[in-house]
């Protein structure tokens, strides 16, 4: 999860601890994170860039990302 999350840091901060702009992901509920990522991928939720990023991830990678961010302290 940590390796996959490296690309998220540019907007969501190191380990998901955003310093503004994009939402913080650290400590978020795993089920919530999974639902959001899947909604971005399917197009059910739109965003400025997230719908493009999400299309590049598999469900297994979503699981790893959600586990990683949910375990982080905010």
PDB file of N, CA and C in Angstrom:
ATOM      1  N   UNK A   1       0.794  -1.199   0.000  1.00  0.00           N
ATOM      2  CA  UNK A   1       0.000   0.000   0.000  1.00  0.00           C
ATOM      3  C   UNK A   1       0.838   1.266   0.000  1.00  0.00           C
ATOM      4  N   UNK A   2       1.909   1.260   0.778  1.00  0.00           N
ATOM      5  CA  UNK A   2       2.749   2.463   0.874  1.00  0.00           C
ATOM      6  C   UNK A   2       3.329   2.808  -0.493  1.00  0.00           C
ATOM      7  N   UNK A   3       3.823   1.823  -1.216  1.00  0.00           N
ATOM      8  CA  UNK A   3       4.413   2.091  -2.531  1.00  0.00           C
ATOM      9  C   UNK A   3       3.375   2.633  -3.506  1.00  0.00           C
ATOM     10  N   UNK A   4       2.200   2.055  -3.495  1.00  0.00           N
ATOM     11  CA  UNK A   4       1.138   2.500  -4.397  1.00  0.00           C
ATOM     12  C   UNK A   4       0.695   3.915  -4.039  1.00  0.00           C
ATOM     13  N   UNK A   5       0.717   4.238  -2.759  1.00  0.00           N
ATOM     14  CA  UNK A   5       0.221   5.538  -2.299  1.00  0.00           C
ATOM     15  C   UNK A   5       1.154   6.696  -2.631  1.00  0.00           C
ATOM     16  N   UNK A   6       2.363   6.402  -3.083  1.00  0.00           N
ATOM     17  CA  UNK A   6       3.331   7.472  -3.348  1.00  0.00           C
ATOM     18  C   UNK A   6       2.784   8.506  -4.326  1.00  0.00           C
ATOM     19  N   UNK A   7       2.051   8.068  -5.326  1.00  0.00           N
ATOM     20  CA  UNK A   7       1.509   9.019  -6.300  1.00  0.00           C
ATOM     21  C   UNK A   7       0.376   9.865  -5.714  1.00  0.00           C
ATOM     22  N   UNK A   8      -0.221   9.423  -4.635  1.00  0.00           N
ATOM     23  CA  UNK A   8      -1.316  10.158  -3.995  1.00  0.00           C
ATOM     24  C   UNK A   8      -0.793  11.360  -3.196  1.00  0.00           C
ATOM     25  N   UNK A   9       0.480  11.270  -2.775  1.00  0.00           N
ATOM     26  CA  UNK A   9       1.053  12.276  -1.883  1.00  0.00           C
ATOM     27  C   UNK A   9       1.083  13.675  -2.484  1.00  0.00           C
ATOM     28  N   UNK A  10       1.207  13.772  -3.789  1.00  0.00           N
ATOM     29  CA  UNK A  10       1.281  15.092  -4.417  1.00  0.00           C
ATOM     30  C   UNK A  10       0.061  15.943  -4.075  1.00  0.00           C
ATOM     31  N   UNK A  11      -1.096  15.336  -3.987  1.00  0.00           N
ATOM     32  CA  UNK A  11      -2.325  16.087  -3.680  1.00  0.00           C
ATOM     33  C   UNK A  11      -2.825  15.848  -2.252  1.00  0.00           C
ATOM     34  N   UNK A  12      -2.720  14.597  -1.789  1.00  0.00           N
ATOM     35  CA  UNK A  12      -3.311  14.233  -0.498  1.00  0.00           C
ATOM     36  C   UNK A  12      -2.308  14.242   0.648  1.00  0.00           C
ATOM     37  N   UNK A  13      -1.061  14.603   0.380  1.00  0.00           N
ATOM     38  CA  UNK A  13      -0.049  14.705   1.416  1.00  0.00           C
ATOM     39  C   UNK A  13       0.616  13.385   1.747  1.00  0.00           C
ATOM     40  N   UNK A  14       1.749  13.477   2.416  1.00  0.00           N
ATOM     41  CA  UNK A  14       2.488  12.287   2.836  1.00  0.00           C
ATOM     42  C   UNK A  14       1.617  11.438   3.737  1.00  0.00           C
ATOM     43  N   UNK A  15       1.517  10.159   3.400  1.00  0.00           N
ATOM     44  CA  UNK A  15       0.696   9.201   4.158  1.00  0.00           C
ATOM     45  C   UNK A  15      -0.767   9.639   4.265  1.00  0.00           C
ATOM     46  N   UNK A  16      -1.216  10.472   3.340  1.00  0.00           N
ATOM     47  CA  UNK A  16      -2.612  10.897   3.334  1.00  0.00           C
ATOM     48  C   UNK A  16      -2.931  12.045   4.259  1.00  0.00           C
ATOM     49  N   UNK A  17      -1.908  12.693   4.801  1.00  0.00           N
ATOM     50  CA  UNK A  17      -2.103  13.833   5.697  1.00  0.00           C
ATOM     51  C   UNK A  17      -2.054  15.126   4.894  1.00  0.00           C
ATOM     52  N   UNK A  18      -3.161  15.465   4.294  1.00  0.00           N
ATOM     53  CA  UNK A  18      -3.256  16.648   3.443  1.00  0.00           C
ATOM     54  C   UNK A  18      -3.033  17.922   4.232  1.00  0.00           C
ATOM     55  N   UNK A  19      -2.376  18.868   3.591  1.00  0.00           N
ATOM     56  CA  UNK A  19      -2.160  20.176   4.214  1.00  0.00           C
ATOM     57  C   UNK A  19      -3.060  21.229   3.567  1.00  0.00           C
ATOM     58  N   UNK A  20      -4.057  20.787   2.866  1.00  0.00           N
ATOM     59  CA  UNK A  20      -5.004  21.702   2.242  1.00  0.00           C
ATOM     60  C   UNK A  20      -5.338  21.263   0.834  1.00  0.00           C
ATOM     61  N   UNK A  21      -6.327  21.868   0.270  1.00  0.00           N
ATOM     62  CA  UNK A  21      -6.733  21.536  -1.089  1.00  0.00           C
ATOM     63  C   UNK A  21      -7.473  20.224  -1.186  1.00  0.00           C
ATOM     64  N   UNK A  22      -6.750  19.136  -1.267  1.00  0.00           N
ATOM     65  CA  UNK A  22      -7.351  17.804  -1.386  1.00  0.00           C
ATOM     66  C   UNK A  22      -7.688  17.261   0.003  1.00  0.00           C
ATOM     67  N   UNK A  23      -8.702  16.405   0.079  1.00  0.00           N
ATOM     68  CA  UNK A  23      -9.075  15.841   1.377  1.00  0.00           C
ATOM     69  C   UNK A  23      -7.972  14.968   1.967  1.00  0.00           C
ATOM     70  N   UNK A  24      -7.903  14.950   3.285  1.00  0.00           N
ATOM     71  CA  UNK A  24      -6.988  14.047   3.984  1.00  0.00           C
ATOM     72  C   UNK A  24      -7.543  12.632   3.879  1.00  0.00           C
ATOM     73  N   UNK A  25      -6.671  11.673   3.666  1.00  0.00           N
ATOM     74  CA  UNK A  25      -7.066  10.266   3.581  1.00  0.00           C
ATOM     75  C   UNK A  25      -6.650   9.488   4.820  1.00  0.00           C
ATOM     76  N   UNK A  26      -5.686  10.004   5.551  1.00  0.00           N
ATOM     77  CA  UNK A  26      -5.167   9.322   6.737  1.00  0.00           C
ATOM     78  C   UNK A  26      -6.272   9.114   7.768  1.00  0.00           C
ATOM     79  N   UNK A  27      -6.397   7.868   8.207  1.00  0.00           N
ATOM     80  CA  UNK A  27      -7.358   7.535   9.247  1.00  0.00           C
ATOM     81  C   UNK A  27      -8.795   7.420   8.782  1.00  0.00           C
ATOM     82  N   UNK A  28      -9.037   7.575   7.488  1.00  0.00           N
ATOM     83  CA  UNK A  28     -10.409   7.464   6.976  1.00  0.00           C
ATOM     84  C   UNK A  28     -10.857   6.003   7.033  1.00  0.00           C
ATOM     85  N   UNK A  29     -12.147   5.806   7.091  1.00  0.00           N
ATOM     86  CA  UNK A  29     -12.733   4.480   7.130  1.00  0.00           C
ATOM     87  C   UNK A  29     -12.421   3.719   5.838  1.00  0.00           C
ATOM     88  N   UNK A  30     -11.962   2.478   5.977  1.00  0.00           N
ATOM     89  CA  UNK A  30     -11.582   1.680   4.810  1.00  0.00           C
ATOM     90  C   UNK A  30     -12.734   1.524   3.824  1.00  0.00           C
ATOM     91  N   UNK A  31     -13.918   1.196   4.308  1.00  0.00           N
ATOM     92  CA  UNK A  31     -15.066   0.998   3.421  1.00  0.00           C
ATOM     93  C   UNK A  31     -15.402   2.278   2.662  1.00  0.00           C
ATOM     94  N   UNK A  32     -15.294   3.407   3.340  1.00  0.00           N
ATOM     95  CA  UNK A  32     -15.541   4.701   2.695  1.00  0.00           C
ATOM     96  C   UNK A  32     -14.520   4.947   1.585  1.00  0.00           C
ATOM     97  N   UNK A  33     -13.235   4.716   1.878  1.00  0.00           N
ATOM     98  CA  UNK A  33     -12.188   4.917   0.877  1.00  0.00           C
ATOM     99  C   UNK A  33     -12.405   4.023  -0.337  1.00  0.00           C
ATOM    100  N   UNK A  34     -12.716   2.753  -0.091  1.00  0.00           N
ATOM    101  CA  UNK A  34     -12.961   1.826  -1.201  1.00  0.00           C
ATOM    102  C   UNK A  34     -14.126   2.290  -2.062  1.00  0.00           C
ATOM    103  N   UNK A  35     -15.210   2.687  -1.411  1.00  0.00           N
ATOM    104  CA  UNK A  35     -16.393   3.140  -2.152  1.00  0.00           C
ATOM    105  C   UNK A  35     -16.072   4.363  -3.005  1.00  0.00           C
ATOM    106  N   UNK A  36     -15.326   5.294  -2.445  1.00  0.00           N
ATOM    107  CA  UNK A  36     -14.993   6.513  -3.196  1.00  0.00           C
ATOM    108  C   UNK A  36     -14.124   6.190  -4.406  1.00  0.00           C
ATOM    109  N   UNK A  37     -13.107   5.351  -4.201  1.00  0.00           N
ATOM    110  CA  UNK A  37     -12.214   5.016  -5.308  1.00  0.00           C
ATOM    111  C   UNK A  37     -12.956   4.268  -6.416  1.00  0.00           C
ATOM    112  N   UNK A  38     -13.827   3.339  -6.024  1.00  0.00           N
ATOM    113  CA  UNK A  38     -14.601   2.592  -7.021  1.00  0.00           C
ATOM    114  C   UNK A  38     -15.586   3.504  -7.745  1.00  0.00           C
ATOM    115  N   UNK A  39     -16.164   4.464  -7.018  1.00  0.00           N
ATOM    116  CA  UNK A  39     -17.083   5.421  -7.658  1.00  0.00           C
ATOM    117  C   UNK A  39     -16.349   6.330  -8.638  1.00  0.00           C
ATOM    118  N   UNK A  40     -15.132   6.735  -8.304  1.00  0.00           N
ATOM    119  CA  UNK A  40     -14.335   7.519  -9.257  1.00  0.00           C
ATOM    120  C   UNK A  40     -14.046   6.691 -10.503  1.00  0.00           C
ATOM    121  N   UNK A  41     -13.675   5.430 -10.302  1.00  0.00           N
ATOM    122  CA  UNK A  41     -13.328   4.566 -11.433  1.00  0.00           C
ATOM    123  C   UNK A  41     -14.520   4.330 -12.349  1.00  0.00           C
ATOM    124  N   UNK A  42     -15.697   4.119 -11.759  1.00  0.00           N
ATOM    125  CA  UNK A  42     -16.892   3.829 -12.566  1.00  0.00           C
ATOM    126  C   UNK A  42     -17.498   5.076 -13.198  1.00  0.00           C
ATOM    127  N   UNK A  43     -17.125   6.242 -12.673  1.00  0.00           N
ATOM    128  CA  UNK A  43     -17.714   7.485 -13.157  1.00  0.00           C
ATOM    129  C   UNK A  43     -18.915   7.936 -12.348  1.00  0.00           C
ATOM    130  N   UNK A  44     -19.288   7.153 -11.325  1.00  0.00           N
ATOM    131  CA  UNK A  44     -20.414   7.530 -10.466  1.00  0.00           C
ATOM    132  C   UNK A  44     -20.103   8.798  -9.674  1.00  0.00           C
ATOM    133  N   UNK A  45     -18.826   9.030  -9.428  1.00  0.00           N
ATOM    134  CA  UNK A  45     -18.386  10.261  -8.759  1.00  0.00           C
ATOM    135  C   UNK A  45     -17.360  10.926  -9.662  1.00  0.00           C
ATOM    136  N   UNK A  46     -17.518  12.209  -9.856  1.00  0.00           N
ATOM    137  CA  UNK A  46     -16.578  12.937 -10.699  1.00  0.00           C
ATOM    138  C   UNK A  46     -15.623  13.737  -9.831  1.00  0.00           C
ATOM    139  N   UNK A  47     -14.528  14.098 -10.402  1.00  0.00           N
ATOM    140  CA  UNK A  47     -13.526  14.897  -9.711  1.00  0.00           C
ATOM    141  C   UNK A  47     -12.645  15.548 -10.746  1.00  0.00           C
ATOM    142  N   UNK A  48     -11.797  16.426 -10.310  1.00  0.00           N
ATOM    143  CA  UNK A  48     -10.947  17.117 -11.268  1.00  0.00           C
ATOM    144  C   UNK A  48      -9.965  16.156 -11.931  1.00  0.00           C
ATOM    145  N   UNK A  49      -9.339  15.276 -11.161  1.00  0.00           N
ATOM    146  CA  UNK A  49      -8.404  14.310 -11.745  1.00  0.00           C
ATOM    147  C   UNK A  49      -8.605  12.886 -11.232  1.00  0.00           C
ATOM    148  N   UNK A  50      -9.332  12.719 -10.158  1.00  0.00           N
ATOM    149  CA  UNK A  50      -9.434  11.403  -9.538  1.00  0.00           C
ATOM    150  C   UNK A  50     -10.064  10.352 -10.442  1.00  0.00           C
ATOM    151  N   UNK A  51     -11.002  10.721 -11.263  1.00  0.00           N
ATOM    152  CA  UNK A  51     -11.608   9.717 -12.136  1.00  0.00           C
ATOM    153  C   UNK A  51     -10.575   9.178 -13.129  1.00  0.00           C
ATOM    154  N   UNK A  52      -9.607   9.989 -13.509  1.00  0.00           N
ATOM    155  CA  UNK A  52      -8.536   9.525 -14.391  1.00  0.00           C
ATOM    156  C   UNK A  52      -7.555   8.631 -13.628  1.00  0.00           C
ATOM    157  N   UNK A  53      -7.180   9.027 -12.433  1.00  0.00           N
ATOM    158  CA  UNK A  53      -6.240   8.237 -11.634  1.00  0.00           C
ATOM    159  C   UNK A  53      -6.836   6.876 -11.277  1.00  0.00           C
ATOM    160  N   UNK A  54      -8.079   6.861 -10.849  1.00  0.00           N
ATOM    161  CA  UNK A  54      -8.706   5.630 -10.376  1.00  0.00           C
ATOM    162  C   UNK A  54      -8.791   4.562 -11.462  1.00  0.00           C
ATOM    163  N   UNK A  55      -8.911   4.976 -12.702  1.00  0.00           N
ATOM    164  CA  UNK A  55      -9.010   3.998 -13.790  1.00  0.00           C
ATOM    165  C   UNK A  55      -7.750   3.159 -13.934  1.00  0.00           C
ATOM    166  N   UNK A  56      -6.646   3.628 -13.396  1.00  0.00           N
ATOM    167  CA  UNK A  56      -5.386   2.894 -13.497  1.00  0.00           C
ATOM    168  C   UNK A  56      -5.158   1.864 -12.409  1.00  0.00           C
ATOM    169  N   UNK A  57      -6.096   1.734 -11.471  1.00  0.00           N
ATOM    170  CA  UNK A  57      -5.915   0.815 -10.352  1.00  0.00           C
ATOM    171  C   UNK A  57      -6.867  -0.365 -10.430  1.00  0.00           C
ATOM    172  N   UNK A  58      -6.386  -1.516  -9.963  1.00  0.00           N
ATOM    173  CA  UNK A  58      -7.223  -2.715  -9.867  1.00  0.00           C
ATOM    174  C   UNK A  58      -7.948  -2.705  -8.519  1.00  0.00           C
ATOM    175  N   UNK A  59      -8.918  -3.595  -8.362  1.00  0.00           N
ATOM    176  CA  UNK A  59      -9.612  -3.713  -7.082  1.00  0.00           C
ATOM    177  C   UNK A  59      -8.632  -4.126  -5.978  1.00  0.00           C
ATOM    178  N   UNK A  60      -7.661  -4.975  -6.312  1.00  0.00           N
ATOM    179  CA  UNK A  60      -6.660  -5.394  -5.329  1.00  0.00           C
ATOM    180  C   UNK A  60      -5.818  -4.193  -4.883  1.00  0.00           C
ATOM    181  N   UNK A  61      -5.465  -3.326  -5.817  1.00  0.00           N
ATOM    182  CA  UNK A  61      -4.703  -2.122  -5.462  1.00  0.00           C
ATOM    183  C   UNK A  61      -5.553  -1.167  -4.636  1.00  0.00           C
ATOM    184  N   UNK A  62      -6.843  -1.052  -4.950  1.00  0.00           N
ATOM    185  CA  UNK A  62      -7.743  -0.239  -4.120  1.00  0.00           C
ATOM    186  C   UNK A  62      -7.750  -0.757  -2.691  1.00  0.00           C
ATOM    187  N   UNK A  63      -7.799  -2.071  -2.522  1.00  0.00           N
ATOM    188  CA  UNK A  63      -7.785  -2.678  -1.180  1.00  0.00           C
ATOM    189  C   UNK A  63      -6.516  -2.298  -0.432  1.00  0.00           C
ATOM    190  N   UNK A  64      -5.385  -2.403  -1.109  1.00  0.00           N
ATOM    191  CA  UNK A  64      -4.109  -2.073  -0.479  1.00  0.00           C
ATOM    192  C   UNK A  64      -4.035  -0.595  -0.106  1.00  0.00           C
ATOM    193  N   UNK A  65      -4.512   0.270  -0.996  1.00  0.00           N
ATOM    194  CA  UNK A  65      -4.533   1.703  -0.695  1.00  0.00           C
ATOM    195  C   UNK A  65      -5.437   2.007   0.493  1.00  0.00           C
ATOM    196  N   UNK A  66      -6.625   1.434   0.493  1.00  0.00           N
ATOM    197  CA  UNK A  66      -7.577   1.684   1.578  1.00  0.00           C
ATOM    198  C   UNK A  66      -7.024   1.184   2.906  1.00  0.00           C
ATOM    199  N   UNK A  67      -6.410  -0.005   2.903  1.00  0.00           N
ATOM    200  CA  UNK A  67      -5.795  -0.527   4.133  1.00  0.00           C
ATOM    201  C   UNK A  67      -4.713   0.427   4.630  1.00  0.00           C
ATOM    202  N   UNK A  68      -3.865   0.881   3.703  1.00  0.00           N
ATOM    203  CA  UNK A  68      -2.760   1.760   4.077  1.00  0.00           C
ATOM    204  C   UNK A  68      -3.273   3.067   4.670  1.00  0.00           C
ATOM    205  N   UNK A  69      -4.173   3.750   3.964  1.00  0.00           N
ATOM    206  CA  UNK A  69      -4.631   5.055   4.431  1.00  0.00           C
ATOM    207  C   UNK A  69      -5.454   4.936   5.724  1.00  0.00           C
ATOM    208  N   UNK A  70      -6.266   3.898   5.833  1.00  0.00           N
ATOM    209  CA  UNK A  70      -7.072   3.724   7.048  1.00  0.00           C
ATOM    210  C   UNK A  70      -6.186   3.525   8.276  1.00  0.00           C
ATOM    211  N   UNK A  71      -4.999   2.931   8.088  1.00  0.00           N
ATOM    212  CA  UNK A  71      -4.097   2.651   9.211  1.00  0.00           C
ATOM    213  C   UNK A  71      -3.245   3.863   9.609  1.00  0.00           C
ATOM    214  N   UNK A  72      -3.255   4.919   8.821  1.00  0.00           N
ATOM    215  CA  UNK A  72      -2.424   6.093   9.112  1.00  0.00           C
ATOM    216  C   UNK A  72      -3.084   6.980  10.171  1.00  0.00           C
ATOM    217  N   UNK A  73      -2.245   7.635  10.945  1.00  0.00           N
ATOM    218  CA  UNK A  73      -2.751   8.597  11.933  1.00  0.00           C
ATOM    219  C   UNK A  73      -2.873   9.954  11.267  1.00  0.00           C
ATOM    220  N   UNK A  74      -3.916  10.669  11.633  1.00  0.00           N
ATOM    221  CA  UNK A  74      -4.094  12.013  11.082  1.00  0.00           C
ATOM    222  C   UNK A  74      -3.940  13.056  12.156  1.00  0.00           C
TER     223      UNK A  74
END
